[in-house]
Amino acid sequence: MHLQTEDSTLIFTVTSDSTQYVGVDSIVAKATTDKVHADLQREVVKVKDANNKEYTATFNSATGKYALANEDAYVLKDNGDGTTTLIERRVYTDAKADGSVDYIVYEFTRTWNATSQMQLL
């Protein structure tokens, strides 16, 4: 059996064993819902950091997290004094009881020089 609605398709296998006692070779399915609540995940959102700079974050269905484009998520800068700073940004979500979601850009920096040890960064 193949059931198609406007936004989804459900496929059910109907065998002759399933219908042998009712004398039909097809089944019509009907479903009704009551008090259904759905929270839909957005694929792309606009987020702002603490300085009010806007970024585009994309939902990664494999990780279940939002991510910024690499050029926004990882910024490497030479400080001109023998040190280098990596600015890394991540997007976190905070689901509210009313169903709304806050998108939070968390930013942190790591600075190192030629004698820095990786485990200390």
C-alpha atoms as a PDB file:
ATOM      1  CA  MET A   1       0.000   0.000   0.000  1.00  0.00           C
ATOM      2  CA  HIS A   2       1.210   3.479  -0.771  1.00  0.00           C
ATOM      3  CA  LEU A   3      -0.161   6.442   1.167  1.00  0.00           C
ATOM      4  CA  GLN A   4       0.785   9.918   0.055  1.00  0.00           C
ATOM      5  CA  THR A   5      -0.068  13.180   1.752  1.00  0.00           C
ATOM      6  CA  GLU A   6       0.869  16.676   0.724  1.00  0.00           C
ATOM      7  CA  ASP A   7       4.220  16.628   2.535  1.00  0.00           C
ATOM      8  CA  SER A   8       5.055  12.981   3.158  1.00  0.00           C
ATOM      9  CA  THR A   9       4.832   9.495   1.761  1.00  0.00           C
ATOM     10  CA  LEU A  10       4.297   6.353   3.820  1.00  0.00           C
ATOM     11  CA  ILE A  11       4.730   2.944   2.235  1.00  0.00           C
ATOM     12  CA  PHE A  12       3.187  -0.146   3.828  1.00  0.00           C
ATOM     13  CA  THR A  13       3.652  -3.659   2.537  1.00  0.00           C
ATOM     14  CA  VAL A  14       0.353  -5.529   2.210  1.00  0.00           C
ATOM     15  CA  THR A  15       0.662  -9.271   1.612  1.00  0.00           C
ATOM     16  CA  SER A  16      -1.990 -11.714   0.541  1.00  0.00           C
ATOM     17  CA  ASP A  17      -1.722 -13.286   4.015  1.00  0.00           C
ATOM     18  CA  SER A  18      -2.705  -9.950   5.535  1.00  0.00           C
ATOM     19  CA  THR A  19      -5.949  -9.779   3.558  1.00  0.00           C
ATOM     20  CA  GLN A  20      -6.898 -13.438   3.166  1.00  0.00           C
ATOM     21  CA  TYR A  21      -9.741 -13.333   5.709  1.00  0.00           C
ATOM     22  CA  VAL A  22     -11.322 -10.057   4.686  1.00  0.00           C
ATOM     23  CA  GLY A  23     -11.709 -10.831   0.985  1.00  0.00           C
ATOM     24  CA  VAL A  24     -10.036  -7.696  -0.367  1.00  0.00           C
ATOM     25  CA  ASP A  25      -6.737  -7.107  -2.079  1.00  0.00           C
ATOM     26  CA  SER A  26      -6.229  -3.521  -0.983  1.00  0.00           C
ATOM     27  CA  ILE A  27      -6.596  -1.531   2.185  1.00  0.00           C
ATOM     28  CA  VAL A  28      -7.518   2.126   2.429  1.00  0.00           C
ATOM     29  CA  ALA A  29      -5.782   3.867   5.289  1.00  0.00           C
ATOM     30  CA  LYS A  30      -7.199   6.861   7.070  1.00  0.00           C
ATOM     31  CA  ALA A  31      -5.552   8.682   9.930  1.00  0.00           C
ATOM     32  CA  THR A  32      -6.691  11.529  12.090  1.00  0.00           C
ATOM     33  CA  THR A  33      -4.740  13.462  14.660  1.00  0.00           C
ATOM     34  CA  ASP A  34      -5.720  15.433  17.672  1.00  0.00           C
ATOM     35  CA  LYS A  35      -3.631  17.778  19.785  1.00  0.00           C
ATOM     36  CA  VAL A  36      -0.464  17.348  17.726  1.00  0.00           C
ATOM     37  CA  HIS A  37       2.447  19.639  18.523  1.00  0.00           C
ATOM     38  CA  ALA A  38       5.436  19.808  16.181  1.00  0.00           C
ATOM     39  CA  ASP A  39       8.645  21.773  16.515  1.00  0.00           C
ATOM     40  CA  LEU A  40      10.254  22.142  13.115  1.00  0.00           C
ATOM     41  CA  GLN A  41      13.987  22.493  12.796  1.00  0.00           C
ATOM     42  CA  ARG A  42      15.124  25.282  10.506  1.00  0.00           C
ATOM     43  CA  GLU A  43      17.817  24.357   8.028  1.00  0.00           C
ATOM     44  CA  VAL A  44      19.393  27.816   7.822  1.00  0.00           C
ATOM     45  CA  VAL A  45      19.249  30.571  10.442  1.00  0.00           C
ATOM     46  CA  LYS A  46      20.707  34.036  10.857  1.00  0.00           C
ATOM     47  CA  VAL A  47      22.608  34.427  14.133  1.00  0.00           C
ATOM     48  CA  LYS A  48      24.322  37.381  15.799  1.00  0.00           C
ATOM     49  CA  ASP A  49      27.355  37.404  18.062  1.00  0.00           C
ATOM     50  CA  ALA A  50      27.898  39.579  21.138  1.00  0.00           C
ATOM     51  CA  ASN A  51      29.058  42.443  18.891  1.00  0.00           C
ATOM     52  CA  ASN A  52      25.841  42.189  16.852  1.00  0.00           C
ATOM     53  CA  LYS A  53      27.661  40.865  13.774  1.00  0.00           C
ATOM     54  CA  GLU A  54      25.367  38.623  11.741  1.00  0.00           C
ATOM     55  CA  TYR A  55      26.322  35.160  10.455  1.00  0.00           C
ATOM     56  CA  THR A  56      24.495  32.402   8.606  1.00  0.00           C
ATOM     57  CA  ALA A  57      24.371  29.043  10.363  1.00  0.00           C
ATOM     58  CA  THR A  58      23.378  25.816   8.615  1.00  0.00           C
ATOM     59  CA  PHE A  59      21.906  22.782  10.343  1.00  0.00           C
ATOM     60  CA  ASN A  60      24.004  19.630   9.986  1.00  0.00           C
ATOM     61  CA  SER A  61      21.621  16.671  10.148  1.00  0.00           C
ATOM     62  CA  ALA A  62      24.520  14.245  10.759  1.00  0.00           C
ATOM     63  CA  THR A  63      25.659  16.035  13.944  1.00  0.00           C
ATOM     64  CA  GLY A  64      22.350  17.606  14.957  1.00  0.00           C
ATOM     65  CA  LYS A  65      24.096  20.962  15.369  1.00  0.00           C
ATOM     66  CA  TYR A  66      24.263  24.276  13.573  1.00  0.00           C
ATOM     67  CA  ALA A  67      27.572  25.343  12.065  1.00  0.00           C
ATOM     68  CA  LEU A  68      28.930  28.517  10.569  1.00  0.00           C
ATOM     69  CA  ALA A  69      30.777  28.545   7.266  1.00  0.00           C
ATOM     70  CA  ASN A  70      34.452  27.658   7.805  1.00  0.00           C
ATOM     71  CA  GLU A  71      35.604  31.191   6.980  1.00  0.00           C
ATOM     72  CA  ASP A  72      33.447  32.497   9.853  1.00  0.00           C
ATOM     73  CA  ALA A  73      33.951  29.585  12.241  1.00  0.00           C
ATOM     74  CA  TYR A  74      37.772  29.643  12.135  1.00  0.00           C
ATOM     75  CA  VAL A  75      39.693  32.885  11.715  1.00  0.00           C
ATOM     76  CA  LEU A  76      43.472  32.753  11.983  1.00  0.00           C
ATOM     77  CA  LYS A  77      45.323  36.024  12.381  1.00  0.00           C
ATOM     78  CA  ASP A  78      48.972  36.921  12.682  1.00  0.00           C
ATOM     79  CA  ASN A  79      49.343  39.459  15.477  1.00  0.00           C
ATOM     80  CA  GLY A  80      52.582  40.896  14.072  1.00  0.00           C
ATOM     81  CA  ASP A  81      54.464  40.311  17.348  1.00  0.00           C
ATOM     82  CA  GLY A  82      55.465  36.679  16.855  1.00  0.00           C
ATOM     83  CA  THR A  83      52.130  35.335  18.072  1.00  0.00           C
ATOM     84  CA  THR A  84      49.156  33.941  16.194  1.00  0.00           C
ATOM     85  CA  THR A  85      45.535  33.957  17.314  1.00  0.00           C
ATOM     86  CA  LEU A  86      42.799  31.540  16.293  1.00  0.00           C
ATOM     87  CA  ILE A  87      39.271  32.836  16.750  1.00  0.00           C
ATOM     88  CA  GLU A  88      36.765  29.973  16.780  1.00  0.00           C
ATOM     89  CA  ARG A  89      32.988  30.415  16.718  1.00  0.00           C
ATOM     90  CA  ARG A  90      30.327  27.803  17.418  1.00  0.00           C
ATOM     91  CA  VAL A  91      26.546  28.019  17.408  1.00  0.00           C
ATOM     92  CA  TYR A  92      24.565  26.677  20.342  1.00  0.00           C
ATOM     93  CA  THR A  93      20.813  26.469  20.700  1.00  0.00           C
ATOM     94  CA  ASP A  94      18.646  27.029  23.741  1.00  0.00           C
ATOM     95  CA  ALA A  95      15.116  25.634  23.370  1.00  0.00           C
ATOM     96  CA  LYS A  96      12.527  27.534  25.382  1.00  0.00           C
ATOM     97  CA  ALA A  97       9.400  26.129  27.025  1.00  0.00           C
ATOM     98  CA  ASP A  98       7.194  28.074  24.588  1.00  0.00           C
ATOM     99  CA  GLY A  99       8.814  26.313  21.599  1.00  0.00           C
ATOM    100  CA  SER A 100      11.037  29.197  20.540  1.00  0.00           C
ATOM    101  CA  VAL A 101      14.775  28.712  20.129  1.00  0.00           C
ATOM    102  CA  ASP A 102      17.600  31.095  20.966  1.00  0.00           C
ATOM    103  CA  TYR A 103      20.682  30.765  18.750  1.00  0.00           C
ATOM    104  CA  ILE A 104      23.884  31.666  20.570  1.00  0.00           C
ATOM    105  CA  VAL A 105      27.258  32.337  18.943  1.00  0.00           C
ATOM    106  CA  TYR A 106      29.991  31.242  21.328  1.00  0.00           C
ATOM    107  CA  GLU A 107      33.385  32.694  20.477  1.00  0.00           C
ATOM    108  CA  PHE A 108      36.738  31.859  21.980  1.00  0.00           C
ATOM    109  CA  THR A 109      40.338  32.617  21.104  1.00  0.00           C
ATOM    110  CA  ARG A 110      43.627  30.798  21.384  1.00  0.00           C
ATOM    111  CA  THR A 111      46.908  32.650  21.064  1.00  0.00           C
ATOM    112  CA  TRP A 112      50.280  30.969  20.711  1.00  0.00           C
ATOM    113  CA  ASN A 113      53.874  31.644  19.751  1.00  0.00           C
ATOM    114  CA  ALA A 114      56.750  29.489  18.481  1.00  0.00           C
ATOM    115  CA  THR A 115      57.384  27.994  21.943  1.00  0.00           C
ATOM    116  CA  SER A 116      53.731  27.279  22.864  1.00  0.00           C
ATOM    117  CA  GLN A 117      52.789  23.699  23.567  1.00  0.00           C
ATOM    118  CA  MET A 118      49.584  22.353  21.984  1.00  0.00           C
ATOM    119  CA  GLN A 119      48.296  20.757  25.212  1.00  0.00           C
ATOM    120  CA  LEU A 120      48.440  24.149  26.965  1.00  0.00           C
ATOM    121  CA  LEU A 121      46.336  26.028  24.386  1.00  0.00           C
END
